[in-house]
Amino acid sequence: MRGVVTKRLLGKGDCLKKGLNEKEKLFCSYYAGFGDARGCAARAGYCISPLKSAERLLARSDIRAEIDRLEKERRSFSSQTEKGLYRLAFGSVTDALKLMLCEEMMSAEEIEKLDLFNVSEIKRPKGGGIEIRFFDRFKALEKLASMGGGESSESSFIKALSEGARLLSEEEEN
């Protein structure tokens, strides 16, 4: 009898569960990404009055904590993506050149120490030698600019590069 009284006192919306069920996890994931409570509840499977379901879910501390965790994770991923694009745009190709120009075959340990982040493909043609392709720096710059949304230092940089190229081509024509 005591368990029933406790259940009635806590109510249906309070959390006695050890974790979130699949629909609740889906709601949290959608809400962290889109923020539209009613739409996210409907998408997660709360078909009967999704707005009330969303309100009930958002009132729970465990749901809010999961949403906060997911939002923080997304910001972290976005930050990592931005750092990776920055590395592609401005990173060094020195180690790739070392690999290409070395006279003797490098050991696996030596290769492991090389920074080949900017390398998209390495081929060893039949005729000998080595072919190395790099990621497109300009595309990485464009992505960085689009991530900044609006006027950012990266988009200013791209505009400056474009303007410089235009001025150079005008000078060559004259």
N, C-alpha and C. Protein backbone atom coordinates (compact mmCIF):
# COMPACT_ATOMS: atom_id res chain seq x y z
N MET A 1 0.81 -1.19 0.00
CA MET A 1 0.00 0.00 0.00
C MET A 1 0.86 1.26 0.00
N ARG A 2 1.95 1.21 0.70
CA ARG A 2 2.82 2.38 0.79
C ARG A 2 3.35 2.78 -0.59
N GLY A 3 3.71 1.83 -1.42
CA GLY A 3 4.19 2.11 -2.76
C GLY A 3 3.15 2.83 -3.60
N VAL A 4 1.91 2.48 -3.45
CA VAL A 4 0.83 3.11 -4.20
C VAL A 4 0.68 4.56 -3.76
N VAL A 5 0.75 4.82 -2.45
CA VAL A 5 0.64 6.18 -1.94
C VAL A 5 1.78 7.03 -2.47
N THR A 6 2.98 6.50 -2.47
CA THR A 6 4.14 7.23 -2.99
C THR A 6 3.93 7.56 -4.46
N LYS A 7 3.44 6.62 -5.22
CA LYS A 7 3.21 6.83 -6.64
C LYS A 7 2.18 7.92 -6.86
N ARG A 8 1.11 7.92 -6.07
CA ARG A 8 0.08 8.94 -6.21
C ARG A 8 0.62 10.31 -5.82
N LEU A 9 1.45 10.39 -4.81
CA LEU A 9 2.00 11.67 -4.36
C LEU A 9 2.93 12.28 -5.40
N LEU A 10 3.70 11.44 -6.03
CA LEU A 10 4.66 11.94 -7.01
C LEU A 10 3.98 12.33 -8.32
N GLY A 11 2.94 11.65 -8.68
CA GLY A 11 2.24 11.96 -9.91
C GLY A 11 2.89 11.33 -11.12
N LYS A 12 2.17 11.44 -12.23
CA LYS A 12 2.59 10.77 -13.45
C LYS A 12 3.80 11.44 -14.12
N GLY A 13 3.91 12.77 -14.04
CA GLY A 13 4.97 13.49 -14.75
C GLY A 13 6.31 13.44 -14.05
N ASP A 14 6.35 13.13 -12.77
CA ASP A 14 7.61 13.08 -12.05
C ASP A 14 8.36 11.81 -12.39
N CYS A 15 9.65 11.86 -12.22
CA CYS A 15 10.48 10.77 -12.71
C CYS A 15 10.96 9.87 -11.59
N LEU A 16 10.47 8.63 -11.60
CA LEU A 16 10.99 7.60 -10.72
C LEU A 16 11.83 6.61 -11.52
N LYS A 17 11.82 6.79 -12.84
CA LYS A 17 12.50 5.86 -13.74
C LYS A 17 14.00 6.01 -13.62
N LYS A 18 14.70 4.96 -14.01
CA LYS A 18 16.16 5.00 -13.97
C LYS A 18 16.73 5.64 -15.22
N GLY A 19 15.97 5.73 -16.28
CA GLY A 19 16.45 6.33 -17.52
C GLY A 19 15.29 6.73 -18.39
N LEU A 20 15.62 7.33 -19.49
CA LEU A 20 14.58 7.77 -20.42
C LEU A 20 14.22 6.63 -21.37
N ASN A 21 12.93 6.58 -21.74
CA ASN A 21 12.53 5.58 -22.73
C ASN A 21 12.88 6.10 -24.13
N GLU A 22 12.64 5.30 -25.14
CA GLU A 22 13.06 5.64 -26.50
C GLU A 22 12.36 6.90 -27.02
N LYS A 23 11.05 7.04 -26.75
CA LYS A 23 10.33 8.23 -27.21
C LYS A 23 10.86 9.49 -26.52
N GLU A 24 11.18 9.39 -25.26
CA GLU A 24 11.72 10.53 -24.52
C GLU A 24 13.10 10.91 -25.05
N LYS A 25 13.91 9.90 -25.35
CA LYS A 25 15.24 10.17 -25.92
C LYS A 25 15.12 10.84 -27.29
N LEU A 26 14.18 10.35 -28.10
CA LEU A 26 13.95 10.96 -29.41
C LEU A 26 13.51 12.41 -29.27
N PHE A 27 12.58 12.65 -28.34
CA PHE A 27 12.13 14.02 -28.11
C PHE A 27 13.31 14.92 -27.74
N CYS A 28 14.13 14.47 -26.82
CA CYS A 28 15.29 15.26 -26.38
C CYS A 28 16.22 15.55 -27.56
N SER A 29 16.47 14.54 -28.37
CA SER A 29 17.36 14.71 -29.51
C SER A 29 16.78 15.72 -30.50
N TYR A 30 15.50 15.57 -30.83
CA TYR A 30 14.86 16.50 -31.75
C TYR A 30 14.84 17.92 -31.18
N TYR A 31 14.50 18.03 -29.90
CA TYR A 31 14.38 19.35 -29.28
C TYR A 31 15.75 20.06 -29.21
N ALA A 32 16.79 19.30 -28.93
CA ALA A 32 18.14 19.89 -28.88
C ALA A 32 18.55 20.41 -30.25
N GLY A 33 18.05 19.78 -31.30
CA GLY A 33 18.42 20.19 -32.65
C GLY A 33 17.53 21.25 -33.26
N PHE A 34 16.23 21.20 -32.96
CA PHE A 34 15.28 22.07 -33.64
C PHE A 34 14.59 23.08 -32.74
N GLY A 35 14.33 22.71 -31.48
CA GLY A 35 13.74 23.65 -30.54
C GLY A 35 12.24 23.83 -30.63
N ASP A 36 11.57 23.27 -31.60
CA ASP A 36 10.12 23.39 -31.74
C ASP A 36 9.47 22.29 -30.91
N ALA A 37 9.00 22.63 -29.72
CA ALA A 37 8.51 21.64 -28.76
C ALA A 37 7.40 20.76 -29.33
N ARG A 38 6.36 21.38 -29.89
CA ARG A 38 5.23 20.62 -30.41
C ARG A 38 5.65 19.71 -31.57
N GLY A 39 6.40 20.26 -32.51
CA GLY A 39 6.85 19.48 -33.67
C GLY A 39 7.77 18.33 -33.26
N CYS A 40 8.63 18.59 -32.29
CA CYS A 40 9.57 17.56 -31.84
C CYS A 40 8.83 16.43 -31.12
N ALA A 41 7.82 16.79 -30.34
CA ALA A 41 7.03 15.76 -29.65
C ALA A 41 6.29 14.91 -30.66
N ALA A 42 5.70 15.54 -31.67
CA ALA A 42 4.98 14.79 -32.70
C ALA A 42 5.93 13.86 -33.45
N ARG A 43 7.09 14.37 -33.81
CA ARG A 43 8.09 13.58 -34.53
C ARG A 43 8.59 12.40 -33.69
N ALA A 44 8.63 12.59 -32.38
CA ALA A 44 9.11 11.53 -31.49
C ALA A 44 8.05 10.46 -31.24
N GLY A 45 6.81 10.71 -31.66
CA GLY A 45 5.76 9.70 -31.51
C GLY A 45 4.66 10.05 -30.53
N TYR A 46 4.65 11.26 -30.02
CA TYR A 46 3.57 11.71 -29.13
C TYR A 46 2.48 12.31 -30.01
N CYS A 47 1.63 11.44 -30.56
CA CYS A 47 0.65 11.86 -31.57
C CYS A 47 -0.58 12.51 -30.94
N ILE A 48 -1.01 12.04 -29.79
CA ILE A 48 -2.18 12.61 -29.13
C ILE A 48 -1.73 13.82 -28.33
N SER A 49 -2.22 14.98 -28.71
CA SER A 49 -1.86 16.28 -28.11
C SER A 49 -0.36 16.44 -27.88
N PRO A 50 0.40 16.59 -28.95
CA PRO A 50 1.85 16.71 -28.83
C PRO A 50 2.30 17.95 -28.05
N LEU A 51 1.53 19.04 -28.11
CA LEU A 51 1.91 20.24 -27.36
C LEU A 51 1.86 19.99 -25.87
N LYS A 52 0.80 19.34 -25.39
CA LYS A 52 0.70 19.02 -23.96
C LYS A 52 1.78 18.03 -23.55
N SER A 53 2.06 17.07 -24.41
CA SER A 53 3.12 16.11 -24.13
C SER A 53 4.47 16.82 -24.02
N ALA A 54 4.72 17.75 -24.94
CA ALA A 54 5.98 18.50 -24.92
C ALA A 54 6.09 19.33 -23.65
N GLU A 55 5.01 19.99 -23.25
CA GLU A 55 5.02 20.78 -22.02
C GLU A 55 5.32 19.91 -20.82
N ARG A 56 4.67 18.74 -20.79
CA ARG A 56 4.88 17.80 -19.68
C ARG A 56 6.33 17.31 -19.65
N LEU A 57 6.86 17.01 -20.82
CA LEU A 57 8.25 16.53 -20.89
C LEU A 57 9.23 17.62 -20.47
N LEU A 58 9.02 18.84 -20.96
CA LEU A 58 9.94 19.93 -20.65
C LEU A 58 9.89 20.35 -19.18
N ALA A 59 8.85 19.96 -18.48
CA ALA A 59 8.74 20.27 -17.05
C ALA A 59 9.60 19.33 -16.21
N ARG A 60 10.03 18.23 -16.80
CA ARG A 60 10.83 17.25 -16.06
C ARG A 60 12.31 17.62 -16.07
N SER A 61 12.92 17.52 -14.91
CA SER A 61 14.34 17.89 -14.78
C SER A 61 15.25 16.92 -15.54
N ASP A 62 14.91 15.63 -15.59
CA ASP A 62 15.76 14.68 -16.31
C ASP A 62 15.72 14.93 -17.81
N ILE A 63 14.58 15.36 -18.32
CA ILE A 63 14.46 15.67 -19.74
C ILE A 63 15.28 16.93 -20.05
N ARG A 64 15.14 17.96 -19.21
CA ARG A 64 15.90 19.20 -19.42
C ARG A 64 17.41 18.93 -19.33
N ALA A 65 17.81 18.07 -18.41
CA ALA A 65 19.23 17.74 -18.28
C ALA A 65 19.75 17.04 -19.53
N GLU A 66 18.95 16.13 -20.08
CA GLU A 66 19.36 15.42 -21.30
C GLU A 66 19.44 16.38 -22.49
N ILE A 67 18.49 17.30 -22.59
CA ILE A 67 18.51 18.29 -23.67
C ILE A 67 19.75 19.18 -23.54
N ASP A 68 20.06 19.61 -22.33
CA ASP A 68 21.26 20.43 -22.10
C ASP A 68 22.52 19.68 -22.51
N ARG A 69 22.57 18.38 -22.14
CA ARG A 69 23.74 17.56 -22.49
C ARG A 69 23.88 17.45 -24.01
N LEU A 70 22.76 17.21 -24.70
CA LEU A 70 22.79 17.07 -26.16
C LEU A 70 23.16 18.38 -26.84
N GLU A 71 22.65 19.50 -26.34
CA GLU A 71 23.00 20.80 -26.92
C GLU A 71 24.48 21.09 -26.74
N LYS A 72 25.00 20.76 -25.57
CA LYS A 72 26.44 20.97 -25.32
C LYS A 72 27.26 20.09 -26.26
N GLU A 73 26.82 18.85 -26.46
CA GLU A 73 27.51 17.91 -27.36
C GLU A 73 27.50 18.46 -28.79
N ARG A 74 26.38 19.02 -29.23
CA ARG A 74 26.29 19.57 -30.58
C ARG A 74 27.21 20.78 -30.74
N ARG A 75 27.26 21.64 -29.72
CA ARG A 75 28.16 22.80 -29.79
C ARG A 75 29.60 22.32 -29.86
N SER A 76 29.91 21.28 -29.10
CA SER A 76 31.26 20.73 -29.10
C SER A 76 31.60 20.17 -30.48
N PHE A 77 30.66 19.45 -31.10
CA PHE A 77 30.88 18.89 -32.43
C PHE A 77 31.08 20.01 -33.44
N SER A 78 30.27 21.05 -33.34
CA SER A 78 30.40 22.19 -34.24
C SER A 78 31.77 22.83 -34.09
N SER A 79 32.22 22.94 -32.86
CA SER A 79 33.54 23.52 -32.59
C SER A 79 34.64 22.64 -33.18
N GLN A 80 34.50 21.32 -33.03
CA GLN A 80 35.50 20.40 -33.58
C GLN A 80 35.51 20.47 -35.10
N THR A 81 34.33 20.58 -35.70
CA THR A 81 34.22 20.69 -37.15
C THR A 81 34.92 21.95 -37.62
N GLU A 82 34.68 23.06 -36.93
CA GLU A 82 35.30 24.33 -37.29
C GLU A 82 36.83 24.24 -37.18
N LYS A 83 37.32 23.58 -36.13
CA LYS A 83 38.76 23.43 -35.96
C LYS A 83 39.36 22.57 -37.08
N GLY A 84 38.64 21.52 -37.46
CA GLY A 84 39.11 20.67 -38.55
C GLY A 84 39.16 21.41 -39.87
N LEU A 85 38.13 22.21 -40.15
CA LEU A 85 38.12 23.00 -41.38
C LEU A 85 39.24 24.03 -41.37
N TYR A 86 39.48 24.63 -40.22
CA TYR A 86 40.56 25.60 -40.10
C TYR A 86 41.90 24.93 -40.38
N ARG A 87 42.05 23.72 -39.87
CA ARG A 87 43.29 22.96 -40.10
C ARG A 87 43.46 22.61 -41.57
N LEU A 88 42.35 22.26 -42.25
CA LEU A 88 42.43 21.97 -43.69
C LEU A 88 42.80 23.22 -44.48
N ALA A 89 42.22 24.36 -44.07
CA ALA A 89 42.45 25.60 -44.81
C ALA A 89 43.85 26.15 -44.60
N PHE A 90 44.38 26.05 -43.38
CA PHE A 90 45.63 26.73 -43.07
C PHE A 90 46.76 25.78 -42.63
N GLY A 91 46.50 24.49 -42.60
CA GLY A 91 47.49 23.54 -42.11
C GLY A 91 48.70 23.37 -43.02
N SER A 92 49.74 22.84 -42.45
CA SER A 92 50.99 22.64 -43.17
C SER A 92 50.95 21.36 -44.00
N VAL A 93 51.67 21.38 -45.11
CA VAL A 93 51.79 20.19 -45.95
C VAL A 93 53.22 19.65 -45.92
N THR A 94 54.01 20.14 -44.99
CA THR A 94 55.42 19.78 -44.90
C THR A 94 55.63 18.29 -44.75
N ASP A 95 54.88 17.65 -43.86
CA ASP A 95 55.07 16.21 -43.64
C ASP A 95 54.69 15.39 -44.88
N ALA A 96 53.68 15.84 -45.62
CA ALA A 96 53.32 15.13 -46.86
C ALA A 96 54.45 15.25 -47.87
N LEU A 97 55.08 16.40 -47.92
CA LEU A 97 56.22 16.58 -48.82
C LEU A 97 57.40 15.72 -48.40
N LYS A 98 57.61 15.60 -47.09
CA LYS A 98 58.68 14.71 -46.58
C LYS A 98 58.44 13.30 -47.07
N LEU A 99 57.20 12.84 -46.96
CA LEU A 99 56.84 11.49 -47.39
C LEU A 99 57.10 11.32 -48.89
N MET A 100 56.73 12.32 -49.65
CA MET A 100 56.87 12.24 -51.10
C MET A 100 58.33 12.29 -51.54
N LEU A 101 59.16 13.08 -50.87
CA LEU A 101 60.53 13.30 -51.31
C LEU A 101 61.57 12.39 -50.65
N CYS A 102 61.15 11.57 -49.69
CA CYS A 102 62.13 10.73 -49.00
C CYS A 102 62.72 9.70 -49.97
N GLU A 103 64.01 9.48 -49.83
CA GLU A 103 64.73 8.56 -50.71
C GLU A 103 64.43 7.11 -50.36
N GLU A 104 64.41 6.81 -49.07
CA GLU A 104 64.18 5.44 -48.60
C GLU A 104 62.76 5.29 -48.09
N MET A 105 62.33 4.05 -48.05
CA MET A 105 60.99 3.75 -47.53
C MET A 105 60.95 4.06 -46.04
N MET A 106 59.94 4.79 -45.60
CA MET A 106 59.81 5.13 -44.18
C MET A 106 59.20 3.94 -43.44
N SER A 107 59.56 3.82 -42.16
CA SER A 107 58.99 2.75 -41.33
C SER A 107 57.58 3.16 -40.92
N ALA A 108 56.82 2.20 -40.45
CA ALA A 108 55.45 2.47 -40.00
C ALA A 108 55.44 3.46 -38.84
N GLU A 109 56.43 3.37 -37.95
CA GLU A 109 56.53 4.29 -36.82
C GLU A 109 56.78 5.72 -37.29
N GLU A 110 57.65 5.88 -38.31
CA GLU A 110 57.94 7.21 -38.84
C GLU A 110 56.71 7.80 -39.54
N ILE A 111 56.02 6.96 -40.29
CA ILE A 111 54.81 7.42 -40.98
C ILE A 111 53.74 7.82 -39.97
N GLU A 112 53.61 7.06 -38.90
CA GLU A 112 52.63 7.34 -37.86
C GLU A 112 52.85 8.73 -37.24
N LYS A 113 54.06 9.20 -37.20
CA LYS A 113 54.40 10.49 -36.59
C LYS A 113 54.11 11.67 -37.53
N LEU A 114 53.87 11.40 -38.82
CA LEU A 114 53.63 12.47 -39.78
C LEU A 114 52.22 13.04 -39.62
N ASP A 115 52.10 14.34 -39.83
CA ASP A 115 50.79 15.00 -39.83
C ASP A 115 50.29 15.03 -41.27
N LEU A 116 49.40 14.11 -41.60
CA LEU A 116 48.87 14.00 -42.96
C LEU A 116 47.39 14.37 -43.00
N PHE A 117 46.96 15.25 -42.10
CA PHE A 117 45.56 15.65 -41.98
C PHE A 117 45.03 16.24 -43.28
N ASN A 118 45.83 17.02 -43.99
CA ASN A 118 45.40 17.69 -45.21
C ASN A 118 45.38 16.77 -46.44
N VAL A 119 45.85 15.54 -46.28
CA VAL A 119 45.95 14.60 -47.41
C VAL A 119 44.63 13.87 -47.59
N SER A 120 44.10 13.93 -48.82
CA SER A 120 42.86 13.21 -49.10
C SER A 120 43.12 11.85 -49.74
N GLU A 121 44.28 11.70 -50.43
CA GLU A 121 44.55 10.45 -51.13
C GLU A 121 46.04 10.30 -51.39
N ILE A 122 46.54 9.08 -51.23
CA ILE A 122 47.93 8.77 -51.57
C ILE A 122 47.92 7.57 -52.50
N LYS A 123 48.63 7.70 -53.62
CA LYS A 123 48.71 6.60 -54.59
C LYS A 123 50.17 6.36 -54.94
N ARG A 124 50.47 5.12 -55.23
CA ARG A 124 51.79 4.76 -55.72
C ARG A 124 51.58 4.19 -57.14
N PRO A 125 51.78 5.02 -58.17
CA PRO A 125 51.56 4.57 -59.55
C PRO A 125 52.51 3.43 -59.94
N LYS A 126 52.16 2.70 -60.97
CA LYS A 126 52.97 1.57 -61.43
C LYS A 126 54.36 2.00 -61.86
N GLY A 127 54.50 3.17 -62.42
CA GLY A 127 55.80 3.64 -62.91
C GLY A 127 56.75 4.07 -61.80
N GLY A 128 56.30 3.99 -60.55
CA GLY A 128 57.13 4.42 -59.42
C GLY A 128 56.73 5.80 -58.94
N GLY A 129 57.32 6.22 -57.89
CA GLY A 129 57.00 7.51 -57.32
C GLY A 129 55.77 7.44 -56.41
N ILE A 130 55.27 8.58 -56.07
CA ILE A 130 54.12 8.65 -55.17
C ILE A 130 53.27 9.85 -55.58
N GLU A 131 51.97 9.69 -55.56
CA GLU A 131 51.04 10.77 -55.90
C GLU A 131 50.23 11.10 -54.66
N ILE A 132 50.25 12.38 -54.28
CA ILE A 132 49.52 12.82 -53.09
C ILE A 132 48.52 13.89 -53.49
N ARG A 133 47.27 13.70 -53.08
CA ARG A 133 46.22 14.70 -53.31
C ARG A 133 45.83 15.31 -51.97
N PHE A 134 45.60 16.61 -52.00
CA PHE A 134 45.23 17.33 -50.79
C PHE A 134 43.77 17.76 -50.85
N PHE A 135 43.18 17.98 -49.68
CA PHE A 135 41.83 18.54 -49.63
C PHE A 135 41.87 19.96 -50.16
N ASP A 136 40.76 20.41 -50.69
CA ASP A 136 40.65 21.74 -51.29
C ASP A 136 40.58 22.80 -50.18
N ARG A 137 41.62 23.62 -50.10
CA ARG A 137 41.68 24.66 -49.07
C ARG A 137 40.59 25.71 -49.25
N PHE A 138 40.29 26.05 -50.49
CA PHE A 138 39.28 27.07 -50.74
C PHE A 138 37.90 26.59 -50.28
N LYS A 139 37.58 25.33 -50.51
CA LYS A 139 36.30 24.79 -50.04
C LYS A 139 36.23 24.82 -48.52
N ALA A 140 37.34 24.52 -47.86
CA ALA A 140 37.37 24.58 -46.40
C ALA A 140 37.13 26.01 -45.93
N LEU A 141 37.71 26.98 -46.62
CA LEU A 141 37.49 28.39 -46.28
C LEU A 141 36.02 28.77 -46.48
N GLU A 142 35.43 28.30 -47.57
CA GLU A 142 34.01 28.59 -47.83
C GLU A 142 33.13 28.01 -46.73
N LYS A 143 33.42 26.78 -46.31
CA LYS A 143 32.65 26.14 -45.24
C LYS A 143 32.81 26.90 -43.93
N LEU A 144 34.01 27.32 -43.64
CA LEU A 144 34.24 28.12 -42.43
C LEU A 144 33.41 29.40 -42.46
N ALA A 145 33.38 30.04 -43.61
CA ALA A 145 32.62 31.28 -43.75
C ALA A 145 31.13 31.02 -43.57
N SER A 146 30.64 29.93 -44.13
CA SER A 146 29.20 29.64 -44.01
C SER A 146 28.83 29.23 -42.58
N MET A 147 29.74 28.63 -41.85
CA MET A 147 29.47 28.26 -40.46
C MET A 147 29.36 29.50 -39.57
N GLY A 148 30.11 30.54 -39.94
CA GLY A 148 30.10 31.77 -39.13
C GLY A 148 28.79 32.50 -39.23
N GLY A 149 28.04 32.31 -40.30
CA GLY A 149 26.77 32.98 -40.48
C GLY A 149 26.96 34.49 -40.51
N GLY A 150 26.69 35.12 -41.60
CA GLY A 150 26.87 36.56 -41.68
C GLY A 150 28.32 36.91 -41.93
N GLU A 151 28.67 38.13 -41.61
CA GLU A 151 30.03 38.63 -41.84
C GLU A 151 30.96 38.11 -40.77
N SER A 152 31.94 37.35 -41.13
CA SER A 152 32.92 36.84 -40.17
C SER A 152 34.30 37.13 -40.71
N SER A 153 35.30 36.88 -39.89
CA SER A 153 36.66 37.14 -40.33
C SER A 153 37.02 36.23 -41.50
N GLU A 154 36.48 34.99 -41.51
CA GLU A 154 36.77 34.07 -42.62
C GLU A 154 36.16 34.59 -43.92
N SER A 155 34.89 35.06 -43.87
CA SER A 155 34.27 35.54 -45.10
C SER A 155 34.96 36.81 -45.57
N SER A 156 35.42 37.64 -44.64
CA SER A 156 36.19 38.83 -45.01
C SER A 156 37.49 38.40 -45.70
N PHE A 157 38.09 37.33 -45.19
CA PHE A 157 39.32 36.81 -45.77
C PHE A 157 39.08 36.34 -47.20
N ILE A 158 37.98 35.63 -47.41
CA ILE A 158 37.65 35.13 -48.75
C ILE A 158 37.39 36.30 -49.69
N LYS A 159 36.67 37.32 -49.22
CA LYS A 159 36.43 38.50 -50.05
C LYS A 159 37.74 39.18 -50.41
N ALA A 160 38.65 39.28 -49.44
CA ALA A 160 39.94 39.91 -49.69
C ALA A 160 40.73 39.11 -50.72
N LEU A 161 40.70 37.78 -50.62
CA LEU A 161 41.39 36.94 -51.61
C LEU A 161 40.80 37.15 -53.00
N SER A 162 39.48 37.16 -53.08
CA SER A 162 38.81 37.35 -54.37
C SER A 162 39.14 38.70 -54.97
N GLU A 163 39.10 39.75 -54.13
CA GLU A 163 39.41 41.09 -54.60
C GLU A 163 40.86 41.19 -55.07
N GLY A 164 41.78 40.57 -54.32
CA GLY A 164 43.18 40.56 -54.72
C GLY A 164 43.39 39.85 -56.05
N ALA A 165 42.70 38.73 -56.24
CA ALA A 165 42.81 37.99 -57.51
C ALA A 165 42.25 38.83 -58.66
N ARG A 166 41.15 39.53 -58.42
CA ARG A 166 40.56 40.38 -59.46
C ARG A 166 41.51 41.51 -59.84
N LEU A 167 42.13 42.14 -58.82
CA LEU A 167 43.06 43.23 -59.09
C LEU A 167 44.28 42.73 -59.86
N LEU A 168 44.79 41.55 -59.50
CA LEU A 168 45.94 40.98 -60.21
C LEU A 168 45.61 40.71 -61.67
N SER A 169 44.41 40.16 -61.93
CA SER A 169 44.04 39.85 -63.31
C SER A 169 43.84 41.14 -64.11
N GLU A 170 43.34 42.21 -63.48
CA GLU A 170 43.22 43.50 -64.16
C GLU A 170 44.58 44.09 -64.50
N GLU A 171 45.54 43.96 -63.56
CA GLU A 171 46.89 44.46 -63.81
C GLU A 171 47.56 43.72 -64.97
N GLU A 172 47.34 42.40 -65.02
CA GLU A 172 47.94 41.59 -66.10
C GLU A 172 47.34 41.96 -67.45
N GLU A 173 46.05 42.32 -67.48
CA GLU A 173 45.40 42.71 -68.73
C GLU A 173 45.94 44.04 -69.25
N ASN A 174 46.30 44.94 -68.31
CA ASN A 174 46.81 46.27 -68.70
C ASN A 174 48.25 46.18 -69.00
